[in-house]
């Protein structure tokens, strides 16, 4: 059909097809650019927001004068002093550590009536008092206490082992030295 046209009409049709191809290509490029803009807009907004918040944070964090710098140093020294007072200065065992280990070693047939923690300048002691169902249970409890990693057990007084049932006892635990 194209060959049946006159040369002048052929040139007009070629020119018209060229313009249509260019317009389709421009439309596709425009759609692609619009898609890219729509896709990148949230990222650009988030990046700008983060940049603004970081700039605001840095501007407020800067110390403007020597007076503010001195106040900041005083605050830091006070905080350091407070932290030093809260930290445990020595490796002395705490009461709850001893109580927790005693309760882990306790058998179900032992009733503990008293847990006491003594902290004197020369020694630390945890005293456990209670009633055992029988003598064998008490000896098992003592052996369990001897297996503790951070506490050593003084021997059970002999008078505690004279009864066969409902044996009253009091055991003293001392911290092990490393």
N, C-alpha and C. Protein backbone atom coordinates (compact mmCIF):
# COMPACT_ATOMS: atom_id res chain seq x y z
N UNK A 1 0.80 -1.17 0.00
CA UNK A 1 0.00 0.00 0.00
C UNK A 1 0.86 1.27 0.00
N UNK A 2 1.98 1.21 0.73
CA UNK A 2 2.87 2.35 0.81
C UNK A 2 3.46 2.66 -0.57
N UNK A 3 3.69 1.61 -1.39
CA UNK A 3 4.31 1.80 -2.70
C UNK A 3 3.34 2.41 -3.71
N UNK A 4 2.08 2.36 -3.47
CA UNK A 4 1.10 2.92 -4.38
C UNK A 4 0.97 4.43 -4.24
N UNK A 5 1.55 5.00 -3.18
CA UNK A 5 1.44 6.44 -2.94
C UNK A 5 2.41 7.20 -3.83
N UNK A 6 2.12 8.46 -4.06
CA UNK A 6 3.03 9.31 -4.83
C UNK A 6 4.23 9.65 -3.96
N UNK A 7 5.35 10.03 -4.57
CA UNK A 7 6.54 10.35 -3.77
C UNK A 7 6.29 11.46 -2.75
N UNK A 8 5.53 12.47 -3.06
CA UNK A 8 5.29 13.55 -2.10
C UNK A 8 4.45 13.04 -0.92
N UNK A 9 3.46 12.19 -1.21
CA UNK A 9 2.63 11.64 -0.15
C UNK A 9 3.43 10.67 0.71
N UNK A 10 4.34 9.95 0.02
CA UNK A 10 5.22 9.03 0.79
C UNK A 10 6.03 9.81 1.80
N UNK A 11 6.57 10.92 1.39
CA UNK A 11 7.38 11.73 2.32
C UNK A 11 6.52 12.24 3.48
N UNK A 12 5.29 12.62 3.19
CA UNK A 12 4.40 13.08 4.26
C UNK A 12 4.07 11.95 5.24
N UNK A 13 3.84 10.75 4.71
CA UNK A 13 3.52 9.61 5.57
C UNK A 13 4.75 9.23 6.41
N UNK A 14 5.97 9.24 5.79
CA UNK A 14 7.20 8.95 6.54
C UNK A 14 7.37 9.95 7.67
N UNK A 15 7.15 11.22 7.33
CA UNK A 15 7.29 12.27 8.33
C UNK A 15 6.26 12.08 9.45
N UNK A 16 5.03 11.72 9.10
CA UNK A 16 3.98 11.49 10.09
C UNK A 16 4.31 10.29 10.99
N UNK A 17 4.81 9.20 10.43
CA UNK A 17 5.22 8.04 11.23
C UNK A 17 6.38 8.40 12.17
N UNK A 18 7.32 9.17 11.67
CA UNK A 18 8.44 9.61 12.49
C UNK A 18 7.94 10.42 13.69
N UNK A 19 7.01 11.35 13.41
CA UNK A 19 6.47 12.17 14.51
C UNK A 19 5.71 11.30 15.53
N UNK A 20 4.98 10.33 15.06
CA UNK A 20 4.25 9.45 15.97
C UNK A 20 5.21 8.62 16.82
N UNK A 21 6.30 8.10 16.18
CA UNK A 21 7.30 7.34 16.95
C UNK A 21 7.96 8.23 18.00
N UNK A 22 8.29 9.44 17.62
CA UNK A 22 8.92 10.38 18.56
C UNK A 22 7.94 10.68 19.71
N UNK A 23 6.70 10.90 19.41
CA UNK A 23 5.73 11.21 20.46
C UNK A 23 5.53 10.01 21.40
N UNK A 24 5.50 8.79 20.86
CA UNK A 24 5.39 7.60 21.71
C UNK A 24 6.63 7.47 22.59
N UNK A 25 7.81 7.69 22.01
CA UNK A 25 9.06 7.61 22.79
C UNK A 25 9.07 8.67 23.88
N UNK A 26 8.64 9.89 23.55
CA UNK A 26 8.63 10.96 24.55
C UNK A 26 7.61 10.65 25.66
N UNK A 27 6.48 10.07 25.29
CA UNK A 27 5.48 9.68 26.27
C UNK A 27 6.05 8.63 27.22
N UNK A 28 6.74 7.63 26.68
CA UNK A 28 7.35 6.58 27.51
C UNK A 28 8.42 7.15 28.43
N UNK A 29 9.24 8.06 27.92
CA UNK A 29 10.27 8.69 28.74
C UNK A 29 9.61 9.52 29.85
N UNK A 30 8.55 10.23 29.53
CA UNK A 30 7.85 11.04 30.54
C UNK A 30 7.25 10.15 31.62
N UNK A 31 6.64 9.05 31.21
CA UNK A 31 6.06 8.11 32.19
C UNK A 31 7.17 7.54 33.08
N UNK A 32 8.31 7.19 32.49
CA UNK A 32 9.43 6.66 33.26
C UNK A 32 9.94 7.69 34.26
N UNK A 33 10.11 8.94 33.85
CA UNK A 33 10.57 9.99 34.76
C UNK A 33 9.55 10.24 35.89
N UNK A 34 8.28 10.22 35.56
CA UNK A 34 7.24 10.39 36.59
C UNK A 34 7.30 9.25 37.60
N UNK A 35 7.47 8.03 37.14
CA UNK A 35 7.57 6.87 38.02
C UNK A 35 8.79 6.98 38.94
N UNK A 36 9.91 7.40 38.38
CA UNK A 36 11.13 7.57 39.19
C UNK A 36 10.92 8.64 40.26
N UNK A 37 10.30 9.75 39.87
CA UNK A 37 10.06 10.82 40.84
C UNK A 37 9.13 10.36 41.97
N UNK A 38 8.07 9.66 41.60
CA UNK A 38 7.14 9.18 42.61
C UNK A 38 7.82 8.16 43.52
N UNK A 39 8.68 7.32 42.96
CA UNK A 39 9.36 6.30 43.77
C UNK A 39 10.39 6.90 44.71
N UNK A 40 11.08 7.95 44.31
CA UNK A 40 12.15 8.51 45.14
C UNK A 40 11.67 9.58 46.12
N UNK A 41 10.49 10.08 45.96
CA UNK A 41 10.01 11.16 46.83
C UNK A 41 9.99 10.76 48.31
N UNK A 42 9.45 9.61 48.70
CA UNK A 42 9.48 9.27 50.14
C UNK A 42 10.91 9.15 50.69
N UNK A 43 11.81 8.61 49.90
CA UNK A 43 13.20 8.50 50.37
C UNK A 43 13.82 9.86 50.56
N UNK A 44 13.56 10.76 49.63
CA UNK A 44 14.11 12.11 49.77
C UNK A 44 13.52 12.84 50.97
N UNK A 45 12.23 12.66 51.21
CA UNK A 45 11.60 13.30 52.36
C UNK A 45 12.18 12.75 53.67
N UNK A 46 12.33 11.42 53.75
CA UNK A 46 12.91 10.83 54.96
C UNK A 46 14.35 11.27 55.17
N UNK A 47 15.13 11.32 54.10
CA UNK A 47 16.52 11.74 54.23
C UNK A 47 16.60 13.18 54.71
N UNK A 48 15.75 14.04 54.19
CA UNK A 48 15.77 15.44 54.61
C UNK A 48 15.34 15.56 56.07
N UNK A 49 14.35 14.79 56.49
CA UNK A 49 13.90 14.82 57.87
C UNK A 49 15.00 14.35 58.82
N UNK A 50 15.68 13.27 58.44
CA UNK A 50 16.79 12.78 59.28
C UNK A 50 17.91 13.80 59.35
N UNK A 51 18.21 14.43 58.23
CA UNK A 51 19.27 15.44 58.21
C UNK A 51 18.89 16.61 59.10
N UNK A 52 17.63 17.06 59.03
CA UNK A 52 17.19 18.17 59.86
C UNK A 52 17.23 17.82 61.34
N UNK A 53 16.80 16.60 61.69
CA UNK A 53 16.82 16.22 63.11
C UNK A 53 18.25 16.07 63.62
N UNK A 54 19.14 15.54 62.78
CA UNK A 54 20.55 15.42 63.19
C UNK A 54 21.17 16.80 63.35
N UNK A 55 20.87 17.72 62.47
CA UNK A 55 21.40 19.08 62.57
C UNK A 55 20.89 19.75 63.83
N UNK A 56 19.60 19.57 64.12
CA UNK A 56 19.02 20.15 65.34
C UNK A 56 19.67 19.56 66.59
N UNK A 57 19.88 18.24 66.59
CA UNK A 57 20.52 17.59 67.74
C UNK A 57 21.94 18.10 67.94
N UNK A 58 22.69 18.19 66.86
CA UNK A 58 24.07 18.66 66.97
C UNK A 58 24.13 20.12 67.40
N UNK A 59 23.18 20.93 66.94
CA UNK A 59 23.21 22.33 67.33
C UNK A 59 22.86 22.50 68.80
N UNK A 60 21.97 21.65 69.33
CA UNK A 60 21.65 21.75 70.76
C UNK A 60 22.74 21.12 71.62
N UNK A 61 23.50 20.19 71.06
CA UNK A 61 24.54 19.53 71.83
C UNK A 61 25.81 20.38 71.94
N UNK A 62 25.96 21.32 71.08
CA UNK A 62 27.16 22.16 71.13
C UNK A 62 27.12 23.06 72.37
N UNK A 63 28.26 23.23 72.97
CA UNK A 63 28.36 24.11 74.13
C UNK A 63 28.73 25.49 73.61
N UNK A 64 27.89 26.47 73.91
CA UNK A 64 28.06 27.80 73.35
C UNK A 64 29.02 28.67 74.15
N UNK A 65 29.05 28.53 75.47
CA UNK A 65 29.87 29.44 76.26
C UNK A 65 30.67 28.66 77.29
N UNK A 66 31.61 29.34 77.88
CA UNK A 66 32.44 28.74 78.93
C UNK A 66 31.60 28.42 80.17
N UNK A 67 30.58 29.21 80.43
CA UNK A 67 29.72 28.97 81.58
C UNK A 67 28.98 27.64 81.41
N UNK A 68 28.46 27.41 80.21
CA UNK A 68 27.79 26.13 79.94
C UNK A 68 28.77 24.98 79.99
N UNK A 69 29.99 25.20 79.50
CA UNK A 69 31.01 24.16 79.53
C UNK A 69 31.34 23.79 80.98
N UNK A 70 31.46 24.79 81.84
CA UNK A 70 31.74 24.54 83.26
C UNK A 70 30.60 23.79 83.93
N UNK A 71 29.37 24.17 83.60
CA UNK A 71 28.21 23.48 84.17
C UNK A 71 28.17 22.03 83.70
N UNK A 72 28.50 21.80 82.44
CA UNK A 72 28.52 20.45 81.91
C UNK A 72 29.61 19.60 82.59
N UNK A 73 30.79 20.18 82.82
CA UNK A 73 31.85 19.45 83.50
C UNK A 73 31.48 19.15 84.95
N UNK A 74 30.83 20.09 85.62
CA UNK A 74 30.38 19.86 87.00
C UNK A 74 29.36 18.73 87.05
N UNK A 75 28.42 18.73 86.10
CA UNK A 75 27.41 17.67 86.03
C UNK A 75 28.08 16.32 85.80
N UNK A 76 29.09 16.27 84.91
CA UNK A 76 29.78 15.01 84.63
C UNK A 76 30.53 14.52 85.86
N UNK A 77 31.16 15.42 86.61
CA UNK A 77 31.87 15.02 87.82
C UNK A 77 30.89 14.49 88.88
N UNK A 78 29.75 15.15 89.03
CA UNK A 78 28.73 14.68 89.99
C UNK A 78 28.22 13.31 89.60
N UNK A 79 27.98 13.10 88.32
CA UNK A 79 27.52 11.80 87.85
C UNK A 79 28.58 10.73 88.10
N UNK A 80 29.84 11.05 87.86
CA UNK A 80 30.93 10.10 88.10
C UNK A 80 31.02 9.76 89.58
N UNK A 81 30.87 10.73 90.45
CA UNK A 81 30.90 10.48 91.89
C UNK A 81 29.74 9.59 92.31
N UNK A 82 28.55 9.86 91.77
CA UNK A 82 27.38 9.04 92.09
C UNK A 82 27.59 7.60 91.66
N UNK A 83 28.13 7.41 90.47
CA UNK A 83 28.38 6.06 89.98
C UNK A 83 29.41 5.33 90.83
N UNK A 84 30.43 6.05 91.28
CA UNK A 84 31.44 5.42 92.12
C UNK A 84 30.85 4.98 93.46
N UNK A 85 29.89 5.73 93.99
CA UNK A 85 29.29 5.34 95.27
C UNK A 85 28.35 4.15 95.11
N UNK A 86 27.77 3.98 93.93
CA UNK A 86 26.85 2.87 93.71
C UNK A 86 27.55 1.56 93.40
N UNK A 87 28.78 1.63 92.92
CA UNK A 87 29.51 0.41 92.56
C UNK A 87 30.03 -0.25 93.83
N UNK A 88 29.93 -1.57 93.87
CA UNK A 88 30.42 -2.32 95.02
C UNK A 88 31.95 -2.24 95.04
N UNK A 89 32.55 -1.72 96.13
CA UNK A 89 34.00 -1.51 96.15
C UNK A 89 34.81 -2.81 96.26
N UNK A 90 34.26 -3.82 96.89
CA UNK A 90 35.02 -5.05 97.07
C UNK A 90 34.23 -6.22 96.50
N UNK A 91 34.83 -7.35 96.51
CA UNK A 91 34.18 -8.55 95.99
C UNK A 91 33.51 -9.35 97.10
N UNK A 92 33.07 -8.67 98.17
CA UNK A 92 32.38 -9.37 99.25
C UNK A 92 31.07 -9.93 98.72
N UNK A 93 30.70 -11.12 99.15
CA UNK A 93 29.43 -11.69 98.68
C UNK A 93 28.24 -10.93 99.26
N UNK A 94 27.19 -10.88 98.49
CA UNK A 94 25.97 -10.23 98.94
C UNK A 94 25.05 -11.25 99.60
N UNK A 95 24.14 -10.77 100.41
CA UNK A 95 23.24 -11.66 101.15
C UNK A 95 22.38 -12.49 100.22
N UNK A 96 21.82 -11.87 99.20
CA UNK A 96 20.91 -12.62 98.34
C UNK A 96 21.62 -13.72 97.57
N UNK A 97 22.93 -13.54 97.30
CA UNK A 97 23.67 -14.60 96.61
C UNK A 97 23.75 -15.86 97.49
N UNK A 98 24.04 -15.67 98.76
CA UNK A 98 24.09 -16.81 99.67
C UNK A 98 22.73 -17.45 99.86
N UNK A 99 21.69 -16.63 100.02
CA UNK A 99 20.34 -17.17 100.20
C UNK A 99 19.90 -17.96 98.97
N UNK A 100 20.19 -17.42 97.80
CA UNK A 100 19.77 -18.09 96.57
C UNK A 100 20.44 -19.46 96.43
N UNK A 101 21.72 -19.53 96.75
CA UNK A 101 22.42 -20.81 96.63
C UNK A 101 21.93 -21.82 97.66
N UNK A 102 21.60 -21.36 98.86
CA UNK A 102 21.07 -22.27 99.88
C UNK A 102 19.72 -22.82 99.43
N UNK A 103 18.88 -21.96 98.89
CA UNK A 103 17.56 -22.42 98.44
C UNK A 103 17.64 -23.36 97.25
N UNK A 104 18.67 -23.20 96.41
CA UNK A 104 18.85 -24.14 95.30
C UNK A 104 19.27 -25.52 95.81
N UNK A 105 20.05 -25.55 96.88
CA UNK A 105 20.56 -26.82 97.41
C UNK A 105 19.55 -27.51 98.32
N UNK A 106 18.49 -26.84 98.70
CA UNK A 106 17.51 -27.37 99.64
C UNK A 106 16.69 -28.50 99.01
N UNK A 107 16.52 -29.55 99.77
CA UNK A 107 15.66 -30.66 99.36
C UNK A 107 14.22 -30.33 99.75
N UNK A 108 13.23 -30.95 99.08
CA UNK A 108 11.83 -30.65 99.42
C UNK A 108 11.43 -31.05 100.83
N UNK A 109 12.12 -32.02 101.42
CA UNK A 109 11.74 -32.48 102.76
C UNK A 109 12.44 -31.69 103.87
N UNK A 110 13.06 -30.58 103.52
CA UNK A 110 13.70 -29.72 104.53
C UNK A 110 12.91 -28.42 104.61
N UNK A 111 12.61 -28.02 105.83
CA UNK A 111 11.90 -26.76 106.05
C UNK A 111 12.89 -25.78 106.67
N UNK A 112 13.16 -24.70 105.96
CA UNK A 112 14.08 -23.68 106.46
C UNK A 112 13.27 -22.67 107.26
N UNK A 113 13.68 -22.47 108.49
CA UNK A 113 12.95 -21.55 109.38
C UNK A 113 13.65 -20.20 109.49
N UNK A 114 14.95 -20.17 109.18
CA UNK A 114 15.68 -18.91 109.35
C UNK A 114 16.86 -18.86 108.38
N UNK A 115 17.01 -17.72 107.72
CA UNK A 115 18.19 -17.42 106.91
C UNK A 115 18.72 -16.09 107.41
N UNK A 116 19.94 -16.09 107.90
CA UNK A 116 20.51 -14.86 108.44
C UNK A 116 21.85 -14.58 107.78
N UNK A 117 22.13 -13.32 107.57
CA UNK A 117 23.37 -12.88 106.94
C UNK A 117 24.09 -11.96 107.92
N UNK A 118 25.32 -12.31 108.27
CA UNK A 118 26.12 -11.49 109.17
C UNK A 118 27.32 -10.96 108.40
N UNK A 119 27.50 -9.65 108.46
CA UNK A 119 28.62 -9.03 107.76
C UNK A 119 29.40 -8.19 108.76
N UNK A 120 30.40 -8.79 109.35
CA UNK A 120 31.25 -8.06 110.27
C UNK A 120 32.55 -7.70 109.54
N UNK A 121 33.33 -6.79 110.09
CA UNK A 121 34.56 -6.39 109.39
C UNK A 121 35.54 -7.53 109.13
N UNK A 122 35.55 -8.54 110.01
CA UNK A 122 36.53 -9.61 109.83
C UNK A 122 36.00 -10.81 109.06
N UNK A 123 34.67 -11.05 109.04
CA UNK A 123 34.16 -12.19 108.27
C UNK A 123 32.69 -12.01 107.93
N UNK A 124 32.30 -12.74 106.89
CA UNK A 124 30.91 -12.76 106.42
C UNK A 124 30.37 -14.16 106.66
N UNK A 125 29.15 -14.27 107.20
CA UNK A 125 28.57 -15.56 107.50
C UNK A 125 27.09 -15.58 107.11
N UNK A 126 26.67 -16.70 106.55
CA UNK A 126 25.25 -16.95 106.30
C UNK A 126 24.87 -18.12 107.20
N UNK A 127 23.87 -17.93 108.05
CA UNK A 127 23.42 -19.01 108.93
C UNK A 127 22.04 -19.48 108.48
N UNK A 128 21.93 -20.80 108.35
CA UNK A 128 20.70 -21.44 107.91
C UNK A 128 20.19 -22.30 109.06
N UNK A 129 18.96 -22.08 109.46
CA UNK A 129 18.35 -22.90 110.51
C UNK A 129 17.06 -23.48 109.96
N UNK A 130 16.73 -24.68 110.43
CA UNK A 130 15.52 -25.30 109.95
C UNK A 130 15.28 -26.66 110.57
N UNK A 131 14.36 -27.40 109.95
CA UNK A 131 14.00 -28.73 110.42
C UNK A 131 14.05 -29.66 109.21
N UNK A 132 14.78 -30.78 109.38
CA UNK A 132 14.85 -31.79 108.33
C UNK A 132 13.93 -32.95 108.68
N UNK A 133 13.41 -33.61 107.67
CA UNK A 133 12.48 -34.73 107.88
C UNK A 133 13.16 -35.86 108.63
N UNK A 134 14.41 -36.17 108.25
CA UNK A 134 15.17 -37.21 108.94
C UNK A 134 16.66 -36.88 108.84
N UNK A 135 17.47 -37.70 109.52
CA UNK A 135 18.91 -37.48 109.58
C UNK A 135 19.55 -37.58 108.20
N UNK A 136 19.13 -38.54 107.39
CA UNK A 136 19.72 -38.74 106.06
C UNK A 136 19.47 -37.53 105.15
N UNK A 137 18.27 -36.96 105.24
CA UNK A 137 17.95 -35.76 104.46
C UNK A 137 18.85 -34.61 104.85
N UNK A 138 19.11 -34.48 106.15
CA UNK A 138 19.98 -33.41 106.64
C UNK A 138 21.40 -33.60 106.12
N UNK A 139 21.90 -34.84 106.14
CA UNK A 139 23.25 -35.09 105.63
C UNK A 139 23.32 -34.83 104.11
N UNK A 140 22.28 -35.17 103.39
CA UNK A 140 22.24 -34.88 101.95
C UNK A 140 22.26 -33.38 101.70
N UNK A 141 21.49 -32.65 102.49
CA UNK A 141 21.46 -31.18 102.37
C UNK A 141 22.84 -30.60 102.65
N UNK A 142 23.51 -31.12 103.68
CA UNK A 142 24.85 -30.64 104.00
C UNK A 142 25.81 -30.93 102.85
N UNK A 143 25.72 -32.12 102.26
CA UNK A 143 26.59 -32.45 101.12
C UNK A 143 26.30 -31.54 99.93
N UNK A 144 25.03 -31.23 99.69
CA UNK A 144 24.69 -30.29 98.61
C UNK A 144 25.29 -28.92 98.86
N UNK A 145 25.27 -28.50 100.12
CA UNK A 145 25.86 -27.20 100.45
C UNK A 145 27.37 -27.22 100.29
N UNK A 146 28.01 -28.35 100.55
CA UNK A 146 29.45 -28.45 100.38
C UNK A 146 29.86 -28.35 98.90
N UNK A 147 28.93 -28.64 98.00
CA UNK A 147 29.22 -28.58 96.57
C UNK A 147 29.10 -27.16 96.00
N UNK A 148 28.66 -26.22 96.82
CA UNK A 148 28.52 -24.84 96.34
C UNK A 148 29.88 -24.27 95.95
N UNK A 149 29.89 -23.48 94.90
CA UNK A 149 31.15 -22.94 94.38
C UNK A 149 31.69 -21.78 95.22
N UNK A 150 30.81 -20.92 95.72
CA UNK A 150 31.30 -19.72 96.38
C UNK A 150 31.15 -19.73 97.90
N UNK A 151 30.64 -20.82 98.48
CA UNK A 151 30.45 -20.88 99.92
C UNK A 151 31.00 -22.20 100.47
N UNK A 152 31.62 -22.13 101.64
CA UNK A 152 32.06 -23.36 102.31
C UNK A 152 31.18 -23.56 103.55
N UNK A 153 31.04 -24.83 103.95
CA UNK A 153 30.11 -25.18 105.02
C UNK A 153 30.89 -25.61 106.25
N UNK A 154 30.50 -25.01 107.38
CA UNK A 154 31.03 -25.52 108.64
C UNK A 154 30.26 -26.80 108.96
N UNK A 155 30.85 -27.71 109.68
CA UNK A 155 30.18 -28.98 109.99
C UNK A 155 28.95 -28.75 110.85
N UNK A 156 27.99 -29.67 110.69
CA UNK A 156 26.77 -29.62 111.48
C UNK A 156 27.12 -30.01 112.91
N UNK A 157 26.60 -29.31 113.88
CA UNK A 157 26.85 -29.71 115.28
C UNK A 157 26.32 -31.12 115.52
N UNK A 158 27.04 -31.89 116.33
CA UNK A 158 26.70 -33.29 116.58
C UNK A 158 25.34 -33.43 117.25
N UNK A 159 24.97 -32.48 118.08
CA UNK A 159 23.68 -32.60 118.76
C UNK A 159 22.50 -32.53 117.79
N UNK A 160 22.73 -31.99 116.58
CA UNK A 160 21.68 -31.97 115.56
C UNK A 160 21.44 -33.37 115.00
N UNK A 161 22.44 -34.24 115.07
CA UNK A 161 22.31 -35.57 114.47
C UNK A 161 21.84 -36.63 115.47
N UNK A 162 21.47 -36.24 116.69
CA UNK A 162 21.05 -37.23 117.69
C UNK A 162 19.63 -37.74 117.45
N UNK A 163 18.78 -36.94 116.82
CA UNK A 163 17.40 -37.37 116.57
C UNK A 163 17.32 -38.05 115.20
N UNK A 164 16.33 -38.93 115.04
CA UNK A 164 16.15 -39.62 113.77
C UNK A 164 15.15 -38.88 112.87
N UNK A 165 14.12 -38.30 113.42
CA UNK A 165 13.11 -37.60 112.63
C UNK A 165 12.92 -36.20 113.18
N UNK A 166 12.45 -35.29 112.32
CA UNK A 166 12.27 -33.88 112.68
C UNK A 166 13.52 -33.31 113.34
N UNK A 167 14.61 -33.36 112.60
CA UNK A 167 15.92 -32.96 113.11
C UNK A 167 16.08 -31.45 112.97
N UNK A 168 16.25 -30.75 114.09
CA UNK A 168 16.54 -29.32 114.06
C UNK A 168 18.02 -29.13 113.74
N UNK A 169 18.31 -28.12 112.92
CA UNK A 169 19.72 -27.88 112.57
C UNK A 169 19.98 -26.40 112.40
N UNK A 170 21.25 -26.06 112.48
CA UNK A 170 21.73 -24.71 112.15
C UNK A 170 23.11 -24.88 111.52
N UNK A 171 23.23 -24.40 110.30
CA UNK A 171 24.47 -24.54 109.53
C UNK A 171 25.00 -23.15 109.21
N UNK A 172 26.31 -22.98 109.35
CA UNK A 172 26.94 -21.70 109.01
C UNK A 172 27.71 -21.86 107.70
N UNK A 173 27.55 -20.90 106.82
CA UNK A 173 28.26 -20.89 105.54
C UNK A 173 29.22 -19.70 105.55
N UNK A 174 30.43 -19.95 105.09
CA UNK A 174 31.44 -18.90 104.96
C UNK A 174 31.83 -18.77 103.50
N UNK A 175 32.12 -17.57 103.04
CA UNK A 175 32.51 -17.43 101.63
C UNK A 175 33.88 -18.07 101.38
N UNK A 176 34.00 -18.73 100.25
CA UNK A 176 35.30 -19.33 99.89
C UNK A 176 36.21 -18.23 99.39
N UNK A 177 37.46 -18.34 99.76
CA UNK A 177 38.45 -17.38 99.26
C UNK A 177 39.05 -17.91 97.97
N UNK A 178 39.21 -17.04 96.97
CA UNK A 178 39.70 -17.53 95.67
C UNK A 178 41.13 -18.00 95.69
